Amino acid sequence: MEKYVVQCYQGQKIRSVWKEREGRWFFSVVDVLRALEVSANPSRYWSDFKRKLRQKTEKEEAPFRFENIVSLKLPAADQKSYKTDMLDEEGLKELFTILHIRKAEEFLDVFFRAEKTKRTREAEGKAEKSGFLLPLLNSSFKPGDGKKTVESFSDPDFRRIAEAELYYFSGEAEKCEEITETYLENENISIRLSACLMYSFANFTLGNAEAARNGFLKIQETLAVVLSGNEKKEIQANCVFAGYMTCILVHLPADDLPPLREYVKYLPKGLRAYASYLMAHELYLQENYERALGILDATLFSLNETYPIPEIYIYCMVAMCKIKLKETEEAKEAFMTAWDTAKSDGLLEVFIEHHGLLQGVMESCLKKAEPEAYKALTKGIISFSRGWMKMHNQESDWVVTDALTPQEFAIAMLACRDWSNQEIADCMGLSVNTVKHIISDILATLHVNSRKELLQFVNK
């Protein structure tokens, strides 16, 4: 079904068509060029533009894709209908970029923001009704609007879960644990799973290993019940997603879980993006860094809206893979993209969780540039590391995390993985002599004699 509409922009008429099947608006290119005052003769201008660009395309790859042009019969001023070149939002963006049109953002705002807002609200409403888990993680919002997004949820229970998510990702695990504890037995599967996830990770960070295990156990029990019944695929996908999130983030075996990739298509966009991070993290643990990067790049390319929390995790994973490949500058660039997305909402927890795996990138990027932020992260890193050791090695009595500073731990991670002192110095922004002294101090503190022994020690 198609709907023909004449719209106006600053007094100029623009012919447009809404294609219901594709869910997109298409605009007459000539009318848009006229309205934006690109040329006094927009028809001739557009014809010349296409001719010149086609000639350029024969020699090299052009920045404009002609396949974006849709030809539709539209009525003209003489009341007759003529074939008219039309472009959708993406096509117009490409055209505006090439032509350097100064009013481009304003034009796109006028015609597409209202439609996007409407679609976003409809999607959020459907998500609440159908019961997708982790409502904040699954939400698209402008960085800095985390609190507004939490307040926008109409269902009070989903709003409370979203509030708990914001507390957790902001490094306020106690407040998250307090909220989610009341939802651990909730009848709604998605609310219960969301609560169990946040409750478990909050207690993990707080060093309450037993409480974290209890939350993880409830997720496993729910997953077993749902998969043995006749629940909808969307509910099954929620459960498999929760199971994978538990196993991958805590580095527990996921062998007994159904393959996440078979359920991704039943997840909404935000969870789907985060699921890509989980699958890439699994590949990272298998030392398949190139393939992990392929999944992450494809996911980022497919997102046409901003999902801050999944994107922060994705960029951190890109940095982790890049640093493993010793592509230090690319690692720093990915880290800073994640940091710039996170800092306006104070979403520190992602960096706290990944500190050890980032292997010095955080110190290199933030310690001197943003000392107060780094100081706040350091407190969280120490707490999280203790929780990690309690979960994975209760007999260690927190030796590594208590004995070493976060910077020393990062250097130890690099030193025991075949990084030379020069490479560590370049990565961390330190002198080679400083690195030598720090490594000597680490070996003495941990009572080991070589980097080989250090590898076995930090891997405990």
Protein backbone atom coordinates (compact mmCIF):
# COMPACT_ATOMS: atom_id res chain seq x y z
CA MET A 1 0.00 0.00 0.00
CA GLU A 2 1.30 3.46 -0.99
CA LYS A 3 0.11 6.86 0.23
CA TYR A 4 0.83 10.04 -1.76
CA VAL A 5 1.26 13.18 0.37
CA VAL A 6 2.31 16.73 -0.48
CA GLN A 7 4.34 18.04 2.46
CA CYS A 8 5.77 21.50 3.10
CA TYR A 9 9.20 22.74 4.10
CA GLN A 10 9.64 26.47 4.65
CA GLY A 11 6.75 27.24 2.29
CA GLN A 12 7.94 24.89 -0.47
CA LYS A 13 5.86 21.87 -1.52
CA ILE A 14 7.58 18.49 -1.49
CA ARG A 15 5.87 15.47 -3.03
CA SER A 16 6.31 12.33 -0.96
CA VAL A 17 5.12 8.72 -0.86
CA TRP A 18 4.75 6.45 2.18
CA LYS A 19 5.42 2.82 1.22
CA GLU A 20 3.63 0.77 3.87
CA ARG A 21 5.32 -2.53 3.07
CA GLU A 22 8.79 -1.03 3.49
CA GLY A 23 7.79 1.31 6.32
CA ARG A 24 9.60 4.26 4.71
CA TRP A 25 8.97 7.73 3.28
CA PHE A 26 10.29 8.58 -0.20
CA PHE A 27 10.71 12.21 -1.32
CA SER A 28 10.96 13.80 -4.75
CA VAL A 29 14.62 14.67 -5.20
CA VAL A 30 13.89 17.68 -7.41
CA ASP A 31 11.40 19.08 -4.87
CA VAL A 32 13.92 18.64 -2.04
CA LEU A 33 16.68 20.40 -4.01
CA ARG A 34 14.30 23.26 -4.76
CA ALA A 35 13.20 23.57 -1.11
CA LEU A 36 16.80 23.62 0.08
CA GLU A 37 17.71 26.24 -2.54
CA VAL A 38 20.46 24.12 -4.04
CA SER A 39 19.76 25.43 -7.54
CA ALA A 40 17.42 27.81 -9.39
CA ASN A 41 16.82 24.97 -11.87
CA PRO A 42 16.75 21.80 -9.72
CA SER A 43 15.59 19.52 -12.58
CA ARG A 44 18.61 20.41 -14.73
CA TYR A 45 20.90 20.32 -11.67
CA TRP A 46 19.77 16.78 -10.74
CA SER A 47 20.12 15.55 -14.33
CA ASP A 48 23.67 16.95 -14.60
CA PHE A 49 24.57 15.57 -11.18
CA LYS A 50 23.54 12.02 -12.15
CA ARG A 51 25.42 12.22 -15.45
CA LYS A 52 28.67 13.44 -13.84
CA LEU A 53 28.46 10.95 -11.01
CA ARG A 54 27.87 8.06 -13.41
CA GLN A 55 30.99 9.07 -15.32
CA LYS A 56 32.93 9.13 -12.06
CA THR A 57 31.50 5.74 -11.05
CA GLU A 58 32.96 4.17 -14.21
CA LYS A 59 36.45 5.12 -12.98
CA GLU A 60 36.15 4.68 -9.22
CA GLU A 61 33.69 3.79 -6.49
CA ALA A 62 31.26 6.69 -6.01
CA PRO A 63 29.93 7.72 -2.60
CA PHE A 64 26.34 7.67 -3.89
CA ARG A 65 24.44 4.47 -4.65
CA PHE A 66 22.17 4.84 -7.68
CA GLU A 67 20.20 1.80 -6.60
CA ASN A 68 18.74 3.96 -3.82
CA ILE A 69 16.75 5.92 -6.41
CA VAL A 70 13.14 4.80 -6.77
CA SER A 71 11.18 5.99 -9.82
CA LEU A 72 7.47 6.62 -9.15
CA LYS A 73 4.73 8.28 -11.18
CA LEU A 74 3.66 11.47 -9.42
CA PRO A 75 1.31 14.30 -10.43
CA ALA A 76 3.05 17.49 -11.60
CA ALA A 77 1.96 21.15 -11.80
CA ASP A 78 0.28 20.54 -15.20
CA GLN A 79 -1.94 17.88 -13.55
CA LYS A 80 -0.24 15.11 -15.53
CA SER A 81 1.76 12.29 -13.94
CA TYR A 82 5.44 11.78 -14.70
CA LYS A 83 8.11 9.39 -13.51
CA THR A 84 9.91 11.10 -10.65
CA ASP A 85 13.17 10.19 -8.93
CA MET A 86 12.59 9.55 -5.21
CA LEU A 87 14.94 8.92 -2.28
CA ASP A 88 14.36 7.66 1.25
CA GLU A 89 16.12 8.95 4.37
CA GLU A 90 19.37 7.03 3.80
CA GLY A 91 19.50 8.07 0.15
CA LEU A 92 18.96 11.71 1.05
CA LYS A 93 21.71 11.52 3.68
CA GLU A 94 24.17 10.24 1.06
CA LEU A 95 23.13 12.98 -1.37
CA PHE A 96 23.35 15.73 1.26
CA THR A 97 26.84 14.54 2.27
CA ILE A 98 28.11 14.79 -1.30
CA LEU A 99 26.52 18.20 -1.90
CA HIS A 100 27.50 19.63 1.52
CA ILE A 101 24.01 21.05 2.04
CA ARG A 102 24.01 23.30 5.10
CA LYS A 103 20.32 22.78 5.95
CA ALA A 104 20.53 18.99 5.69
CA GLU A 105 20.26 18.20 9.43
CA GLU A 106 17.35 20.59 9.86
CA PHE A 107 15.49 19.04 6.91
CA LEU A 108 16.02 15.47 8.11
CA ASP A 109 14.95 16.49 11.62
CA VAL A 110 11.69 17.96 10.38
CA PHE A 111 10.65 14.96 8.29
CA PHE A 112 12.08 11.97 10.13
CA ARG A 113 12.38 12.72 13.87
CA ALA A 114 8.62 12.52 14.54
CA GLU A 115 8.33 9.24 12.66
CA LYS A 116 11.32 7.75 14.52
CA THR A 117 9.93 8.87 17.87
CA LYS A 118 6.61 7.27 17.07
CA ARG A 119 8.25 4.00 16.02
CA THR A 120 10.48 3.97 19.11
CA ARG A 121 7.51 4.44 21.44
CA GLU A 122 5.56 1.74 19.65
CA ALA A 123 8.55 -0.62 19.91
CA GLU A 124 8.95 0.10 23.63
CA GLY A 125 5.25 -0.51 24.17
CA LYS A 126 5.44 -3.84 22.36
CA ALA A 127 8.55 -4.78 24.34
CA GLU A 128 6.76 -4.13 27.63
CA LYS A 129 3.69 -6.09 26.56
CA SER A 130 5.61 -9.02 25.14
CA GLY A 131 7.98 -9.02 28.11
CA PHE A 132 11.48 -8.64 26.75
CA LEU A 133 14.03 -8.58 29.52
CA LEU A 134 16.49 -5.86 30.57
CA PRO A 135 14.39 -2.93 29.34
CA LEU A 136 17.13 -0.29 29.70
CA LEU A 137 19.82 -2.36 27.98
CA ASN A 138 17.31 -3.01 25.21
CA SER A 139 16.47 0.70 24.77
CA SER A 140 17.67 3.13 22.14
CA PHE A 141 18.37 6.55 23.63
CA LYS A 142 20.68 9.52 23.31
CA PRO A 143 23.75 9.23 25.57
CA GLY A 144 23.01 11.30 28.65
CA ASP A 145 19.29 10.44 28.61
CA GLY A 146 19.57 7.28 30.72
CA LYS A 147 17.41 8.62 33.57
CA LYS A 148 14.80 10.00 31.16
CA THR A 149 14.61 6.63 29.47
CA VAL A 150 14.04 4.87 32.81
CA GLU A 151 11.22 7.31 33.63
CA SER A 152 9.60 6.78 30.23
CA PHE A 153 8.52 3.18 30.93
CA SER A 154 4.80 3.11 31.66
CA ASP A 155 4.76 -0.27 33.41
CA PRO A 156 5.92 0.29 37.04
CA ASP A 157 7.69 -3.08 37.31
CA PHE A 158 9.62 -2.60 34.08
CA ARG A 159 10.46 0.92 35.21
CA ARG A 160 11.89 -0.42 38.51
CA ILE A 161 13.94 -3.05 36.67
CA ALA A 162 15.27 -0.35 34.32
CA GLU A 163 16.14 1.75 37.37
CA ALA A 164 18.06 -1.19 38.84
CA GLU A 165 19.93 -1.60 35.53
CA LEU A 166 20.94 2.05 35.59
CA TYR A 167 22.21 1.67 39.15
CA TYR A 168 24.21 -1.43 38.23
CA PHE A 169 25.78 -0.02 35.07
CA SER A 170 26.57 3.20 36.99
CA GLY A 171 28.56 1.25 39.59
CA GLU A 172 25.93 1.44 42.35
CA ALA A 173 25.58 -2.29 42.97
CA GLU A 174 24.02 -1.95 46.45
CA LYS A 175 21.01 -0.01 45.13
CA CYS A 176 20.61 -2.46 42.25
CA GLU A 177 20.68 -5.43 44.62
CA GLU A 178 18.09 -3.79 46.89
CA ILE A 179 15.58 -3.30 44.06
CA THR A 180 16.04 -6.62 42.28
CA GLU A 181 15.83 -8.78 45.39
CA THR A 182 12.07 -8.08 45.54
CA TYR A 183 11.54 -9.42 42.00
CA LEU A 184 13.42 -12.74 42.16
CA GLU A 185 10.20 -14.77 42.37
CA ASN A 186 8.07 -12.58 40.10
CA GLU A 187 5.46 -14.42 37.99
CA ASN A 188 6.47 -12.56 34.84
CA ILE A 189 9.36 -14.58 33.40
CA SER A 190 11.09 -11.58 31.80
CA ILE A 191 10.92 -9.50 34.96
CA ARG A 192 12.16 -12.45 37.03
CA LEU A 193 15.06 -13.15 34.66
CA SER A 194 16.00 -9.46 34.50
CA ALA A 195 15.99 -9.27 38.29
CA CYS A 196 18.04 -12.45 38.65
CA LEU A 197 20.65 -11.19 36.18
CA MET A 198 21.06 -7.79 37.81
CA TYR A 199 20.88 -9.25 41.34
CA SER A 200 23.56 -11.83 40.55
CA PHE A 201 25.97 -9.40 38.89
CA ALA A 202 25.43 -6.81 41.63
CA ASN A 203 26.28 -9.37 44.31
CA PHE A 204 29.19 -10.61 42.22
CA THR A 205 30.59 -7.06 42.29
CA LEU A 206 29.88 -6.74 46.01
CA GLY A 207 31.77 -9.95 46.74
CA ASN A 208 28.65 -11.87 47.84
CA ALA A 209 29.51 -15.03 45.92
CA GLU A 210 26.79 -17.19 47.47
CA ALA A 211 24.02 -14.70 46.63
CA ALA A 212 25.38 -14.40 43.07
CA ARG A 213 25.34 -18.18 42.68
CA ASN A 214 21.74 -18.35 43.93
CA GLY A 215 20.69 -15.83 41.31
CA PHE A 216 22.49 -17.73 38.57
CA LEU A 217 20.81 -20.95 39.75
CA LYS A 218 17.35 -19.39 39.45
CA ILE A 219 18.16 -18.45 35.84
CA GLN A 220 19.19 -22.04 35.06
CA GLU A 221 16.01 -23.38 36.68
CA THR A 222 13.82 -20.99 34.69
CA LEU A 223 15.63 -21.89 31.47
CA ALA A 224 15.10 -25.63 32.06
CA VAL A 225 11.37 -25.18 32.75
CA VAL A 226 10.78 -22.93 29.73
CA LEU A 227 12.67 -25.12 27.25
CA SER A 228 10.83 -28.22 28.45
CA GLY A 229 7.43 -26.59 27.87
CA ASN A 230 5.61 -24.94 24.98
CA GLU A 231 6.51 -21.31 25.60
CA LYS A 232 6.74 -18.87 22.69
CA LYS A 233 10.06 -18.56 20.91
CA GLU A 234 10.47 -15.01 22.23
CA ILE A 235 10.29 -16.26 25.83
CA GLN A 236 12.68 -19.12 25.04
CA ALA A 237 15.07 -16.60 23.46
CA ASN A 238 14.95 -14.49 26.64
CA CYS A 239 15.93 -17.51 28.72
CA VAL A 240 18.74 -18.65 26.42
CA PHE A 241 20.04 -15.07 26.30
CA ALA A 242 20.03 -14.87 30.12
CA GLY A 243 21.83 -18.20 30.38
CA TYR A 244 24.53 -17.09 27.95
CA MET A 245 24.94 -13.72 29.63
CA THR A 246 25.54 -15.50 32.92
CA CYS A 247 28.06 -17.98 31.54
CA ILE A 248 30.04 -15.74 29.18
CA LEU A 249 30.47 -12.76 31.51
CA VAL A 250 31.52 -14.93 34.44
CA HIS A 251 33.62 -17.23 32.19
CA LEU A 252 31.63 -20.34 33.06
CA PRO A 253 31.11 -23.20 30.54
CA ALA A 254 28.16 -22.66 28.16
CA ASP A 255 28.37 -26.14 26.60
CA ASP A 256 25.02 -27.27 28.02
CA LEU A 257 23.09 -24.28 26.64
CA PRO A 258 21.27 -24.27 23.28
CA PRO A 259 23.21 -22.26 20.63
CA LEU A 260 22.43 -18.56 21.15
CA ARG A 261 22.70 -17.84 17.41
CA GLU A 262 19.55 -19.93 16.80
CA TYR A 263 17.52 -17.64 19.08
CA VAL A 264 18.96 -14.23 18.19
CA LYS A 265 16.30 -13.56 15.54
CA TYR A 266 13.60 -13.72 18.22
CA LEU A 267 15.23 -10.95 20.29
CA PRO A 268 14.54 -7.22 19.90
CA LYS A 269 17.26 -4.96 18.49
CA GLY A 270 18.98 -3.95 21.72
CA LEU A 271 19.23 -7.50 23.06
CA ARG A 272 20.26 -8.71 19.61
CA ALA A 273 23.17 -6.26 19.60
CA TYR A 274 24.21 -7.37 23.08
CA ALA A 275 23.88 -11.02 22.00
CA SER A 276 26.45 -10.26 19.29
CA TYR A 277 28.78 -9.03 22.02
CA LEU A 278 28.22 -12.28 23.96
CA MET A 279 28.98 -14.42 20.91
CA ALA A 280 32.09 -12.33 20.18
CA HIS A 281 33.17 -12.67 23.83
CA GLU A 282 32.86 -16.44 23.52
CA LEU A 283 35.09 -16.35 20.43
CA TYR A 284 37.52 -14.10 22.33
CA LEU A 285 37.81 -16.72 25.07
CA GLN A 286 38.59 -19.25 22.32
CA GLU A 287 41.32 -16.86 21.05
CA ASN A 288 39.47 -16.38 17.74
CA TYR A 289 39.92 -12.61 17.70
CA GLU A 290 39.49 -11.95 13.96
CA ARG A 291 36.17 -13.75 13.81
CA ALA A 292 34.98 -11.93 16.92
CA LEU A 293 35.84 -8.61 15.29
CA GLY A 294 33.87 -9.64 12.20
CA ILE A 295 30.71 -10.17 14.27
CA LEU A 296 31.19 -6.88 16.11
CA ASP A 297 31.81 -4.86 12.93
CA ALA A 298 28.73 -6.35 11.26
CA THR A 299 26.59 -5.54 14.30
CA LEU A 300 27.75 -1.92 14.50
CA PHE A 301 27.15 -1.49 10.76
CA SER A 302 23.57 -2.79 11.08
CA LEU A 303 22.54 -0.43 13.90
CA ASN A 304 20.64 2.62 12.63
CA GLU A 305 19.85 3.89 16.12
CA THR A 306 21.99 4.32 19.23
CA TYR A 307 21.78 1.57 21.85
CA PRO A 308 24.29 2.94 24.38
CA ILE A 309 24.70 -0.03 26.72
CA PRO A 310 25.17 -2.74 24.05
CA GLU A 311 27.44 -0.41 22.05
CA ILE A 312 29.68 0.28 25.06
CA TYR A 313 30.13 -3.47 25.56
CA ILE A 314 30.76 -3.97 21.85
CA TYR A 315 33.45 -1.29 21.63
CA CYS A 316 35.13 -2.64 24.77
CA MET A 317 35.24 -6.05 23.12
CA VAL A 318 36.73 -4.49 19.96
CA ALA A 319 39.44 -2.94 22.16
CA MET A 320 40.08 -6.29 23.86
CA CYS A 321 40.52 -8.08 20.53
CA LYS A 322 42.69 -5.32 19.11
CA ILE A 323 45.02 -5.32 22.10
CA LYS A 324 45.37 -9.12 21.78
CA LEU A 325 46.42 -8.57 18.15
CA LYS A 326 48.84 -5.84 19.38
CA GLU A 327 46.97 -3.22 17.38
CA THR A 328 47.35 -0.70 20.18
CA GLU A 329 46.11 2.49 18.52
CA GLU A 330 42.97 0.81 17.21
CA ALA A 331 42.36 -0.59 20.70
CA LYS A 332 42.62 2.87 22.24
CA GLU A 333 40.30 4.33 19.61
CA ALA A 334 37.64 1.69 20.30
CA PHE A 335 38.01 2.18 24.06
CA MET A 336 37.55 5.95 23.78
CA THR A 337 34.45 5.47 21.64
CA ALA A 338 33.00 3.31 24.41
CA TRP A 339 34.08 5.81 27.08
CA ASP A 340 32.61 8.83 25.25
CA THR A 341 29.30 6.97 24.93
CA ALA A 342 29.28 5.97 28.59
CA LYS A 343 30.51 8.95 30.58
CA SER A 344 27.48 11.27 30.19
CA ASP A 345 25.35 8.67 31.99
CA GLY A 346 28.15 7.60 34.34
CA LEU A 347 28.08 4.01 33.03
CA LEU A 348 31.31 2.87 34.70
CA GLU A 349 30.55 -0.80 35.35
CA VAL A 350 31.32 -2.02 31.83
CA PHE A 351 34.91 -0.77 32.13
CA ILE A 352 35.23 -2.18 35.64
CA GLU A 353 34.15 -5.62 34.39
CA HIS A 354 36.60 -5.57 31.48
CA HIS A 355 39.59 -3.92 33.16
CA GLY A 356 41.81 -7.01 33.27
CA LEU A 357 40.94 -8.02 29.72
CA LEU A 358 41.61 -4.51 28.41
CA GLN A 359 45.21 -5.08 29.54
CA GLY A 360 46.36 -1.51 30.15
CA VAL A 361 44.24 0.35 27.59
CA MET A 362 42.20 2.00 30.34
CA GLU A 363 45.31 3.27 32.13
CA SER A 364 46.77 4.56 28.89
CA CYS A 365 43.62 6.45 27.93
CA LEU A 366 42.30 7.73 31.24
CA LYS A 367 44.86 7.79 34.05
CA LYS A 368 46.42 11.11 33.04
CA ALA A 369 43.64 12.52 30.85
CA GLU A 370 40.78 11.99 33.34
CA PRO A 371 42.31 11.26 36.76
CA GLU A 372 39.09 11.63 38.77
CA ALA A 373 37.24 9.20 36.52
CA TYR A 374 40.16 6.78 36.70
CA LYS A 375 40.15 7.04 40.50
CA ALA A 376 36.43 6.17 40.62
CA LEU A 377 37.02 3.24 38.27
CA THR A 378 39.91 1.98 40.41
CA LYS A 379 37.66 1.59 43.47
CA GLY A 380 35.19 -0.43 41.45
CA ILE A 381 37.94 -2.55 39.86
CA ILE A 382 39.29 -3.63 43.24
CA SER A 383 35.82 -4.58 44.49
CA PHE A 384 34.93 -6.44 41.28
CA SER A 385 38.27 -8.31 41.25
CA ARG A 386 37.68 -9.53 44.80
CA GLY A 387 34.24 -10.77 43.81
CA TRP A 388 35.75 -12.51 40.80
CA MET A 389 38.33 -14.30 42.95
CA LYS A 390 35.65 -15.34 45.43
CA MET A 391 33.62 -16.88 42.61
CA HIS A 392 36.49 -18.60 40.81
CA ASN A 393 39.13 -19.29 43.44
CA GLN A 394 37.91 -19.10 47.01
CA GLU A 395 41.23 -20.42 48.34
CA SER A 396 43.25 -17.52 46.90
CA ASP A 397 42.27 -15.14 49.71
CA TRP A 398 42.31 -12.29 47.14
CA VAL A 399 46.14 -12.35 46.89
CA VAL A 400 46.39 -10.77 43.42
CA THR A 401 43.70 -8.14 43.81
CA ASP A 402 44.87 -7.05 47.26
CA ALA A 403 48.57 -7.10 46.47
CA LEU A 404 48.58 -5.22 43.15
CA THR A 405 47.14 -1.88 42.07
CA PRO A 406 44.95 -1.91 38.93
CA GLN A 407 47.87 -0.50 36.91
CA GLU A 408 50.25 -3.17 38.22
CA PHE A 409 47.71 -5.87 37.45
CA ALA A 410 47.31 -4.54 33.89
CA ILE A 411 51.09 -4.58 33.40
CA ALA A 412 51.29 -8.11 34.86
CA MET A 413 48.64 -9.24 32.33
CA LEU A 414 50.75 -7.88 29.46
CA ALA A 415 54.12 -9.00 30.84
CA CYS A 416 53.07 -12.64 31.07
CA ARG A 417 51.67 -12.67 27.52
CA ASP A 418 54.86 -12.15 25.53
CA TRP A 419 54.73 -8.35 25.47
CA SER A 420 58.20 -6.77 25.55
CA ASN A 421 58.97 -3.94 27.97
CA GLN A 422 58.98 -1.54 25.02
CA GLU A 423 55.55 -2.70 23.84
CA ILE A 424 54.13 -2.36 27.35
CA ALA A 425 55.68 1.12 27.67
CA ASP A 426 54.16 2.21 24.34
CA CYS A 427 50.75 0.83 25.28
CA MET A 428 50.68 2.29 28.80
CA GLY A 429 52.31 5.62 28.01
CA LEU A 430 55.25 4.92 30.35
CA SER A 431 59.01 4.85 29.96
CA VAL A 432 60.76 1.50 29.48
CA ASN A 433 62.66 1.96 32.75
CA THR A 434 59.41 2.57 34.64
CA VAL A 435 57.97 -0.62 33.19
CA LYS A 436 61.09 -2.56 34.23
CA HIS A 437 60.86 -1.29 37.80
CA ILE A 438 57.13 -2.04 38.04
CA ILE A 439 57.58 -5.60 36.75
CA SER A 440 60.41 -6.17 39.24
CA ASP A 441 58.14 -4.93 42.05
CA ILE A 442 55.31 -7.21 40.86
CA LEU A 443 57.54 -10.29 40.84
CA ALA A 444 58.84 -9.46 44.32
CA THR A 445 55.38 -8.75 45.71
CA LEU A 446 53.94 -12.01 44.40
CA HIS A 447 57.08 -14.02 45.28
CA VAL A 448 57.64 -15.33 41.76
CA ASN A 449 60.90 -15.32 39.81
CA SER A 450 59.90 -15.17 36.15
CA ARG A 451 57.20 -14.02 33.75
CA LYS A 452 56.33 -17.67 33.14
CA GLU A 453 55.49 -18.11 36.82
CA LEU A 454 53.56 -14.83 36.70
CA LEU A 455 51.36 -16.20 33.91
CA GLN A 456 50.34 -19.17 36.03
CA PHE A 457 49.77 -16.89 39.01
CA VAL A 458 47.48 -14.30 37.38
CA ASN A 459 45.50 -17.01 35.64
CA LYS A 460 44.45 -18.61 38.92
